[in-house]
């Protein structure tokens, strides 16, 4: 075995150790939670009623939420993709509800609150054509004064993927100017049982979260040799059996605290 292979296996082992308890189960209570929700709202024209409910979410203890359409702070989806020189890989998803919970209990309280179960559900019901919900650990600093753009990417990856190898690529992303990135697995059924919520992940099992200083930094990242190396490493392991194996989204980072 080569030195590189040994190093890759060590990284993979450290990732597994961080994510799992002594029984081998994912430990859901160790860090803040990133709750990424993508919606298909193809006919939504006015998001003011939804933003009003988001304000209610932000009044909950230990919860920080933003709701935004695909794009940047100054550009629509179409214009942003042109600026980035990047294809549309949203599969028709139009909006992102990005929730940060201080711990699983805070997320559970949010999920089962009247604001979520009654007000939010009533507001989205006339518009919703699709949804993906993904829970992972929060591993990136969320400061809009440092990073203007949030670039979450959901993957369906086969069990053949080498998580350690992918994590090495993410470390290289973090060496790029204006970029902060993390790769986290779906927290899974044990976590969903903890927060008493159904699985709406649609088979997506990894989330690459990238924060960029601005659109220029994001474009440089997307077209960098480091990103091309990532694609070459992950590509053979994507699972297209349930549809598009990845969803790529871009929204401005607008968290208020």
C-alpha atoms as a PDB file:
ATOM      1  CA  UNK A   1       0.000   0.000   0.000  1.00  0.00           C
ATOM      2  CA  UNK A   2       1.347   3.419  -0.960  1.00  0.00           C
ATOM      3  CA  UNK A   3       1.841   6.269   1.484  1.00  0.00           C
ATOM      4  CA  UNK A   4      -0.963   8.200  -0.205  1.00  0.00           C
ATOM      5  CA  UNK A   5      -3.375   5.281   0.198  1.00  0.00           C
ATOM      6  CA  UNK A   6      -2.489   4.929   3.880  1.00  0.00           C
ATOM      7  CA  UNK A   7      -3.065   8.664   4.380  1.00  0.00           C
ATOM      8  CA  UNK A   8      -6.414   8.481   2.568  1.00  0.00           C
ATOM      9  CA  UNK A   9      -7.521   5.577   4.773  1.00  0.00           C
ATOM     10  CA  UNK A  10      -6.455   7.457   7.893  1.00  0.00           C
ATOM     11  CA  UNK A  11      -8.545  10.463   6.835  1.00  0.00           C
ATOM     12  CA  UNK A  12     -11.537   8.202   6.161  1.00  0.00           C
ATOM     13  CA  UNK A  13     -11.129   6.561   9.572  1.00  0.00           C
ATOM     14  CA  UNK A  14     -10.981   9.931  11.327  1.00  0.00           C
ATOM     15  CA  UNK A  15     -14.154  11.021   9.537  1.00  0.00           C
ATOM     16  CA  UNK A  16     -15.984   7.878  10.606  1.00  0.00           C
ATOM     17  CA  UNK A  17     -14.772   8.292  14.188  1.00  0.00           C
ATOM     18  CA  UNK A  18     -16.012  11.882  14.325  1.00  0.00           C
ATOM     19  CA  UNK A  19     -19.432  10.970  12.959  1.00  0.00           C
ATOM     20  CA  UNK A  20     -20.120   7.778  14.941  1.00  0.00           C
ATOM     21  CA  UNK A  21     -20.356   6.738  18.571  1.00  0.00           C
ATOM     22  CA  UNK A  22     -18.853   3.643  20.188  1.00  0.00           C
ATOM     23  CA  UNK A  23     -21.628   1.431  18.777  1.00  0.00           C
ATOM     24  CA  UNK A  24     -20.889   2.569  15.230  1.00  0.00           C
ATOM     25  CA  UNK A  25     -24.057   4.663  15.008  1.00  0.00           C
ATOM     26  CA  UNK A  26     -23.986   8.262  13.833  1.00  0.00           C
ATOM     27  CA  UNK A  27     -23.914  10.500  16.873  1.00  0.00           C
ATOM     28  CA  UNK A  28     -26.449  13.258  16.155  1.00  0.00           C
ATOM     29  CA  UNK A  29     -25.933  15.394  19.243  1.00  0.00           C
ATOM     30  CA  UNK A  30     -22.333  16.561  18.925  1.00  0.00           C
ATOM     31  CA  UNK A  31     -22.604  19.723  16.800  1.00  0.00           C
ATOM     32  CA  UNK A  32     -24.877  22.378  15.359  1.00  0.00           C
ATOM     33  CA  UNK A  33     -27.132  21.196  12.547  1.00  0.00           C
ATOM     34  CA  UNK A  34     -27.357  22.461   8.970  1.00  0.00           C
ATOM     35  CA  UNK A  35     -30.902  21.823   7.711  1.00  0.00           C
ATOM     36  CA  UNK A  36     -30.908  22.442   3.956  1.00  0.00           C
ATOM     37  CA  UNK A  37     -34.309  22.401   2.243  1.00  0.00           C
ATOM     38  CA  UNK A  38     -34.719  22.818  -1.514  1.00  0.00           C
ATOM     39  CA  UNK A  39     -38.143  23.602  -2.965  1.00  0.00           C
ATOM     40  CA  UNK A  40     -39.700  23.597  -6.404  1.00  0.00           C
ATOM     41  CA  UNK A  41     -41.833  26.749  -6.527  1.00  0.00           C
ATOM     42  CA  UNK A  42     -42.050  27.309 -10.297  1.00  0.00           C
ATOM     43  CA  UNK A  43     -45.028  29.672 -10.082  1.00  0.00           C
ATOM     44  CA  UNK A  44     -44.113  31.641  -6.945  1.00  0.00           C
ATOM     45  CA  UNK A  45     -44.244  35.372  -7.732  1.00  0.00           C
ATOM     46  CA  UNK A  46     -44.424  36.981  -4.296  1.00  0.00           C
ATOM     47  CA  UNK A  47     -42.447  35.476  -1.435  1.00  0.00           C
ATOM     48  CA  UNK A  48     -43.500  38.085   1.148  1.00  0.00           C
ATOM     49  CA  UNK A  49     -45.917  35.719   2.978  1.00  0.00           C
ATOM     50  CA  UNK A  50     -43.131  33.126   3.252  1.00  0.00           C
ATOM     51  CA  UNK A  51     -40.603  35.706   4.436  1.00  0.00           C
ATOM     52  CA  UNK A  52     -43.047  36.741   7.158  1.00  0.00           C
ATOM     53  CA  UNK A  53     -43.037  33.168   8.481  1.00  0.00           C
ATOM     54  CA  UNK A  54     -39.222  33.091   8.289  1.00  0.00           C
ATOM     55  CA  UNK A  55     -39.225  36.027  10.693  1.00  0.00           C
ATOM     56  CA  UNK A  56     -41.234  33.849  13.088  1.00  0.00           C
ATOM     57  CA  UNK A  57     -38.649  31.086  12.701  1.00  0.00           C
ATOM     58  CA  UNK A  58     -35.866  33.495  13.607  1.00  0.00           C
ATOM     59  CA  UNK A  59     -37.634  34.320  16.863  1.00  0.00           C
ATOM     60  CA  UNK A  60     -37.275  30.699  17.998  1.00  0.00           C
ATOM     61  CA  UNK A  61     -34.520  29.812  20.460  1.00  0.00           C
ATOM     62  CA  UNK A  62     -31.359  28.458  18.838  1.00  0.00           C
ATOM     63  CA  UNK A  63     -32.622  28.873  15.258  1.00  0.00           C
ATOM     64  CA  UNK A  64     -31.303  31.003  12.378  1.00  0.00           C
ATOM     65  CA  UNK A  65     -33.083  30.879   9.020  1.00  0.00           C
ATOM     66  CA  UNK A  66     -32.998  32.399   5.568  1.00  0.00           C
ATOM     67  CA  UNK A  67     -35.238  31.788   2.548  1.00  0.00           C
ATOM     68  CA  UNK A  68     -33.939  32.767  -0.872  1.00  0.00           C
ATOM     69  CA  UNK A  69     -34.382  32.052  -4.550  1.00  0.00           C
ATOM     70  CA  UNK A  70     -31.511  30.717  -6.656  1.00  0.00           C
ATOM     71  CA  UNK A  71     -29.147  33.511  -7.662  1.00  0.00           C
ATOM     72  CA  UNK A  72     -26.893  36.093  -6.044  1.00  0.00           C
ATOM     73  CA  UNK A  73     -27.618  39.271  -4.099  1.00  0.00           C
ATOM     74  CA  UNK A  74     -27.784  41.211  -7.369  1.00  0.00           C
ATOM     75  CA  UNK A  75     -28.535  38.627 -10.074  1.00  0.00           C
ATOM     76  CA  UNK A  76     -31.351  36.254 -10.950  1.00  0.00           C
ATOM     77  CA  UNK A  77     -30.704  32.571 -11.517  1.00  0.00           C
ATOM     78  CA  UNK A  78     -30.221  32.927 -15.275  1.00  0.00           C
ATOM     79  CA  UNK A  79     -27.893  35.912 -14.951  1.00  0.00           C
ATOM     80  CA  UNK A  80     -25.927  34.305 -12.125  1.00  0.00           C
ATOM     81  CA  UNK A  81     -25.331  31.109 -14.103  1.00  0.00           C
ATOM     82  CA  UNK A  82     -24.179  33.201 -17.058  1.00  0.00           C
ATOM     83  CA  UNK A  83     -21.772  35.118 -14.833  1.00  0.00           C
ATOM     84  CA  UNK A  84     -20.441  31.892 -13.334  1.00  0.00           C
ATOM     85  CA  UNK A  85     -20.272  30.238 -16.774  1.00  0.00           C
ATOM     86  CA  UNK A  86     -21.891  27.196 -15.219  1.00  0.00           C
ATOM     87  CA  UNK A  87     -24.764  24.940 -16.346  1.00  0.00           C
ATOM     88  CA  UNK A  88     -28.092  24.678 -14.558  1.00  0.00           C
ATOM     89  CA  UNK A  89     -27.934  21.653 -12.254  1.00  0.00           C
ATOM     90  CA  UNK A  90     -30.908  22.496 -10.042  1.00  0.00           C
ATOM     91  CA  UNK A  91     -33.309  19.908 -11.536  1.00  0.00           C
ATOM     92  CA  UNK A  92     -36.066  22.507 -11.313  1.00  0.00           C
ATOM     93  CA  UNK A  93     -35.561  23.452  -7.660  1.00  0.00           C
ATOM     94  CA  UNK A  94     -36.047  27.183  -7.306  1.00  0.00           C
ATOM     95  CA  UNK A  95     -35.697  28.167  -3.628  1.00  0.00           C
ATOM     96  CA  UNK A  96     -33.641  27.236  -0.580  1.00  0.00           C
ATOM     97  CA  UNK A  97     -34.739  27.351   3.045  1.00  0.00           C
ATOM     98  CA  UNK A  98     -31.469  27.242   4.961  1.00  0.00           C
ATOM     99  CA  UNK A  99     -31.841  26.540   8.674  1.00  0.00           C
ATOM    100  CA  UNK A 100     -29.088  26.481  11.293  1.00  0.00           C
ATOM    101  CA  UNK A 101     -29.996  24.899  14.636  1.00  0.00           C
ATOM    102  CA  UNK A 102     -27.756  25.111  17.681  1.00  0.00           C
ATOM    103  CA  UNK A 103     -28.469  21.462  18.473  1.00  0.00           C
ATOM    104  CA  UNK A 104     -30.910  18.671  17.571  1.00  0.00           C
ATOM    105  CA  UNK A 105     -33.370  19.746  20.268  1.00  0.00           C
ATOM    106  CA  UNK A 106     -33.579  23.249  18.779  1.00  0.00           C
ATOM    107  CA  UNK A 107     -34.217  21.752  15.345  1.00  0.00           C
ATOM    108  CA  UNK A 108     -36.932  19.475  16.733  1.00  0.00           C
ATOM    109  CA  UNK A 109     -38.616  22.433  18.418  1.00  0.00           C
ATOM    110  CA  UNK A 110     -38.521  24.354  15.132  1.00  0.00           C
ATOM    111  CA  UNK A 111     -39.880  21.436  13.084  1.00  0.00           C
ATOM    112  CA  UNK A 112     -42.831  20.897  15.412  1.00  0.00           C
ATOM    113  CA  UNK A 113     -43.582  24.557  16.097  1.00  0.00           C
ATOM    114  CA  UNK A 114     -46.864  26.139  15.029  1.00  0.00           C
ATOM    115  CA  UNK A 115     -44.860  28.509  12.857  1.00  0.00           C
ATOM    116  CA  UNK A 116     -43.561  25.550  10.848  1.00  0.00           C
ATOM    117  CA  UNK A 117     -46.431  23.056  10.954  1.00  0.00           C
ATOM    118  CA  UNK A 118     -49.257  25.565  10.530  1.00  0.00           C
ATOM    119  CA  UNK A 119     -48.069  28.895   9.142  1.00  0.00           C
ATOM    120  CA  UNK A 120     -45.250  27.691   6.875  1.00  0.00           C
ATOM    121  CA  UNK A 121     -47.089  24.646   5.574  1.00  0.00           C
ATOM    122  CA  UNK A 122     -50.129  26.753   4.749  1.00  0.00           C
ATOM    123  CA  UNK A 123     -47.989  29.351   2.966  1.00  0.00           C
ATOM    124  CA  UNK A 124     -46.110  26.854   0.778  1.00  0.00           C
ATOM    125  CA  UNK A 125     -48.995  24.490  -0.008  1.00  0.00           C
ATOM    126  CA  UNK A 126     -50.328  26.449  -3.029  1.00  0.00           C
ATOM    127  CA  UNK A 127     -46.868  26.609  -4.637  1.00  0.00           C
ATOM    128  CA  UNK A 128     -44.910  23.454  -3.857  1.00  0.00           C
ATOM    129  CA  UNK A 129     -44.086  21.012  -6.662  1.00  0.00           C
ATOM    130  CA  UNK A 130     -41.142  19.242  -5.027  1.00  0.00           C
ATOM    131  CA  UNK A 131     -38.933  19.168  -1.922  1.00  0.00           C
ATOM    132  CA  UNK A 132     -35.639  17.736  -0.669  1.00  0.00           C
ATOM    133  CA  UNK A 133     -34.650  17.990   3.000  1.00  0.00           C
ATOM    134  CA  UNK A 134     -31.080  17.293   4.076  1.00  0.00           C
ATOM    135  CA  UNK A 135     -29.679  17.282   7.619  1.00  0.00           C
ATOM    136  CA  UNK A 136     -25.949  17.444   8.228  1.00  0.00           C
ATOM    137  CA  UNK A 137     -23.514  18.883  10.702  1.00  0.00           C
ATOM    138  CA  UNK A 138     -22.639  22.546  10.322  1.00  0.00           C
ATOM    139  CA  UNK A 139     -18.908  22.727   9.632  1.00  0.00           C
ATOM    140  CA  UNK A 140     -18.437  26.089   7.895  1.00  0.00           C
ATOM    141  CA  UNK A 141     -18.394  29.618   9.371  1.00  0.00           C
ATOM    142  CA  UNK A 142     -21.522  31.537   8.364  1.00  0.00           C
ATOM    143  CA  UNK A 143     -20.680  35.239   8.312  1.00  0.00           C
ATOM    144  CA  UNK A 144     -22.210  37.347   5.504  1.00  0.00           C
ATOM    145  CA  UNK A 145     -19.573  40.021   6.093  1.00  0.00           C
ATOM    146  CA  UNK A 146     -16.917  37.499   4.955  1.00  0.00           C
ATOM    147  CA  UNK A 147     -18.791  35.302   2.479  1.00  0.00           C
ATOM    148  CA  UNK A 148     -21.565  36.697   0.296  1.00  0.00           C
ATOM    149  CA  UNK A 149     -22.477  33.490  -1.498  1.00  0.00           C
ATOM    150  CA  UNK A 150     -23.703  30.088  -0.307  1.00  0.00           C
ATOM    151  CA  UNK A 151     -23.231  27.129  -2.684  1.00  0.00           C
ATOM    152  CA  UNK A 152     -24.719  23.880  -1.287  1.00  0.00           C
ATOM    153  CA  UNK A 153     -24.418  20.770  -3.450  1.00  0.00           C
ATOM    154  CA  UNK A 154     -26.307  17.574  -2.620  1.00  0.00           C
ATOM    155  CA  UNK A 155     -24.941  14.260  -3.907  1.00  0.00           C
ATOM    156  CA  UNK A 156     -26.164  10.726  -4.281  1.00  0.00           C
ATOM    157  CA  UNK A 157     -22.953   8.724  -3.919  1.00  0.00           C
ATOM    158  CA  UNK A 158     -22.510   4.976  -3.935  1.00  0.00           C
ATOM    159  CA  UNK A 159     -20.947   3.061  -1.055  1.00  0.00           C
ATOM    160  CA  UNK A 160     -17.847   2.637  -3.222  1.00  0.00           C
ATOM    161  CA  UNK A 161     -16.867   6.270  -2.667  1.00  0.00           C
ATOM    162  CA  UNK A 162     -13.731   6.954  -0.631  1.00  0.00           C
ATOM    163  CA  UNK A 163     -14.778   9.661   1.828  1.00  0.00           C
ATOM    164  CA  UNK A 164     -11.200  10.247   2.880  1.00  0.00           C
ATOM    165  CA  UNK A 165     -10.131  10.942  -0.686  1.00  0.00           C
ATOM    166  CA  UNK A 166     -12.976  13.409  -1.170  1.00  0.00           C
ATOM    167  CA  UNK A 167     -12.118  15.131   2.096  1.00  0.00           C
ATOM    168  CA  UNK A 168      -8.590  15.690   0.841  1.00  0.00           C
ATOM    169  CA  UNK A 169     -10.043  17.559  -2.131  1.00  0.00           C
ATOM    170  CA  UNK A 170     -12.169  19.670   0.216  1.00  0.00           C
ATOM    171  CA  UNK A 171      -9.034  20.613   2.144  1.00  0.00           C
ATOM    172  CA  UNK A 172      -7.637  21.930  -1.128  1.00  0.00           C
ATOM    173  CA  UNK A 173     -10.823  23.938  -1.720  1.00  0.00           C
ATOM    174  CA  UNK A 174     -10.191  25.624   1.611  1.00  0.00           C
ATOM    175  CA  UNK A 175      -6.825  26.770   0.309  1.00  0.00           C
ATOM    176  CA  UNK A 176      -8.466  28.752  -2.493  1.00  0.00           C
ATOM    177  CA  UNK A 177      -8.854  32.511  -2.136  1.00  0.00           C
ATOM    178  CA  UNK A 178     -12.225  33.500  -0.683  1.00  0.00           C
ATOM    179  CA  UNK A 179     -13.504  29.936  -0.234  1.00  0.00           C
ATOM    180  CA  UNK A 180     -14.595  27.939   2.815  1.00  0.00           C
ATOM    181  CA  UNK A 181     -15.944  24.423   2.288  1.00  0.00           C
ATOM    182  CA  UNK A 182     -17.065  21.291   4.108  1.00  0.00           C
ATOM    183  CA  UNK A 183     -18.231  17.825   3.106  1.00  0.00           C
ATOM    184  CA  UNK A 184     -20.754  16.189   5.432  1.00  0.00           C
ATOM    185  CA  UNK A 185     -22.868  13.014   5.264  1.00  0.00           C
ATOM    186  CA  UNK A 186     -26.620  12.841   5.732  1.00  0.00           C
ATOM    187  CA  UNK A 187     -27.266  12.259   9.427  1.00  0.00           C
ATOM    188  CA  UNK A 188     -29.668   9.443   8.661  1.00  0.00           C
ATOM    189  CA  UNK A 189     -32.518   7.609  10.317  1.00  0.00           C
ATOM    190  CA  UNK A 190     -31.213   7.746  13.879  1.00  0.00           C
ATOM    191  CA  UNK A 191     -31.143  11.518  13.696  1.00  0.00           C
ATOM    192  CA  UNK A 192     -34.585  11.665  12.087  1.00  0.00           C
ATOM    193  CA  UNK A 193     -35.951   9.499  14.895  1.00  0.00           C
ATOM    194  CA  UNK A 194     -34.397  11.909  17.394  1.00  0.00           C
ATOM    195  CA  UNK A 195     -36.206  14.911  15.886  1.00  0.00           C
ATOM    196  CA  UNK A 196     -39.345  12.884  15.016  1.00  0.00           C
ATOM    197  CA  UNK A 197     -39.352  13.801  11.350  1.00  0.00           C
ATOM    198  CA  UNK A 198     -39.774  11.725   8.163  1.00  0.00           C
ATOM    199  CA  UNK A 199     -36.996  11.105   5.658  1.00  0.00           C
ATOM    200  CA  UNK A 200     -37.312  13.571   2.767  1.00  0.00           C
ATOM    201  CA  UNK A 201     -33.721  13.315   1.553  1.00  0.00           C
ATOM    202  CA  UNK A 202     -34.714  11.575  -1.704  1.00  0.00           C
ATOM    203  CA  UNK A 203     -31.620   9.393  -1.481  1.00  0.00           C
ATOM    204  CA  UNK A 204     -29.098  12.244  -1.316  1.00  0.00           C
ATOM    205  CA  UNK A 205     -26.434  11.219   1.183  1.00  0.00           C
ATOM    206  CA  UNK A 206     -23.653  13.829   1.064  1.00  0.00           C
ATOM    207  CA  UNK A 207     -23.629  17.632   1.118  1.00  0.00           C
ATOM    208  CA  UNK A 208     -20.747  19.760  -0.104  1.00  0.00           C
ATOM    209  CA  UNK A 209     -21.250  23.227   1.363  1.00  0.00           C
ATOM    210  CA  UNK A 210     -19.168  25.983  -0.181  1.00  0.00           C
ATOM    211  CA  UNK A 211     -19.051  29.591   0.963  1.00  0.00           C
ATOM    212  CA  UNK A 212     -17.562  32.169  -1.400  1.00  0.00           C
ATOM    213  CA  UNK A 213     -16.462  35.711  -0.714  1.00  0.00           C
ATOM    214  CA  UNK A 214     -18.301  36.859  -3.863  1.00  0.00           C
ATOM    215  CA  UNK A 215     -19.347  35.670  -7.321  1.00  0.00           C
ATOM    216  CA  UNK A 216     -15.803  36.044  -8.648  1.00  0.00           C
ATOM    217  CA  UNK A 217     -14.407  33.763  -5.932  1.00  0.00           C
ATOM    218  CA  UNK A 218     -17.166  31.230  -6.620  1.00  0.00           C
ATOM    219  CA  UNK A 219     -16.450  31.285 -10.353  1.00  0.00           C
ATOM    220  CA  UNK A 220     -12.724  30.812  -9.750  1.00  0.00           C
ATOM    221  CA  UNK A 221     -13.512  27.838  -7.512  1.00  0.00           C
ATOM    222  CA  UNK A 222     -15.857  26.210 -10.019  1.00  0.00           C
ATOM    223  CA  UNK A 223     -13.297  26.439 -12.828  1.00  0.00           C
ATOM    224  CA  UNK A 224     -10.234  25.647 -10.720  1.00  0.00           C
ATOM    225  CA  UNK A 225      -7.983  22.602 -11.178  1.00  0.00           C
ATOM    226  CA  UNK A 226      -8.954  21.646  -7.616  1.00  0.00           C
ATOM    227  CA  UNK A 227     -12.630  21.442  -8.551  1.00  0.00           C
ATOM    228  CA  UNK A 228     -11.889  19.481 -11.707  1.00  0.00           C
ATOM    229  CA  UNK A 229      -9.870  17.008  -9.624  1.00  0.00           C
ATOM    230  CA  UNK A 230     -12.818  16.676  -7.234  1.00  0.00           C
ATOM    231  CA  UNK A 231     -15.176  15.906 -10.138  1.00  0.00           C
ATOM    232  CA  UNK A 232     -12.797  13.275 -11.480  1.00  0.00           C
ATOM    233  CA  UNK A 233     -12.618  11.627  -8.053  1.00  0.00           C
ATOM    234  CA  UNK A 234     -16.341  11.716  -7.232  1.00  0.00           C
ATOM    235  CA  UNK A 235     -17.656  11.106 -10.740  1.00  0.00           C
ATOM    236  CA  UNK A 236     -17.218   7.312 -10.874  1.00  0.00           C
ATOM    237  CA  UNK A 237     -19.200   6.939  -7.641  1.00  0.00           C
ATOM    238  CA  UNK A 238     -22.332   9.010  -8.317  1.00  0.00           C
ATOM    239  CA  UNK A 239     -25.614   7.117  -8.170  1.00  0.00           C
ATOM    240  CA  UNK A 240     -27.964   8.101 -10.998  1.00  0.00           C
ATOM    241  CA  UNK A 241     -30.450   5.279 -10.342  1.00  0.00           C
ATOM    242  CA  UNK A 242     -32.984   7.667  -8.766  1.00  0.00           C
ATOM    243  CA  UNK A 243     -32.509  10.612 -11.111  1.00  0.00           C
ATOM    244  CA  UNK A 244     -29.911  13.384 -11.258  1.00  0.00           C
ATOM    245  CA  UNK A 245     -27.088  12.371  -8.874  1.00  0.00           C
ATOM    246  CA  UNK A 246     -26.441  15.925  -7.697  1.00  0.00           C
ATOM    247  CA  UNK A 247     -28.261  19.194  -7.085  1.00  0.00           C
ATOM    248  CA  UNK A 248     -26.237  22.406  -7.297  1.00  0.00           C
ATOM    249  CA  UNK A 249     -27.687  25.543  -5.766  1.00  0.00           C
ATOM    250  CA  UNK A 250     -26.540  29.140  -5.358  1.00  0.00           C
ATOM    251  CA  UNK A 251     -28.041  31.685  -2.986  1.00  0.00           C
ATOM    252  CA  UNK A 252     -26.806  34.843  -1.271  1.00  0.00           C
ATOM    253  CA  UNK A 253     -25.859  34.352   2.370  1.00  0.00           C
ATOM    254  CA  UNK A 254     -28.271  36.467   4.414  1.00  0.00           C
ATOM    255  CA  UNK A 255     -28.325  34.972   7.898  1.00  0.00           C
ATOM    256  CA  UNK A 256     -28.948  37.779  10.365  1.00  0.00           C
ATOM    257  CA  UNK A 257     -27.049  36.489  13.361  1.00  0.00           C
END
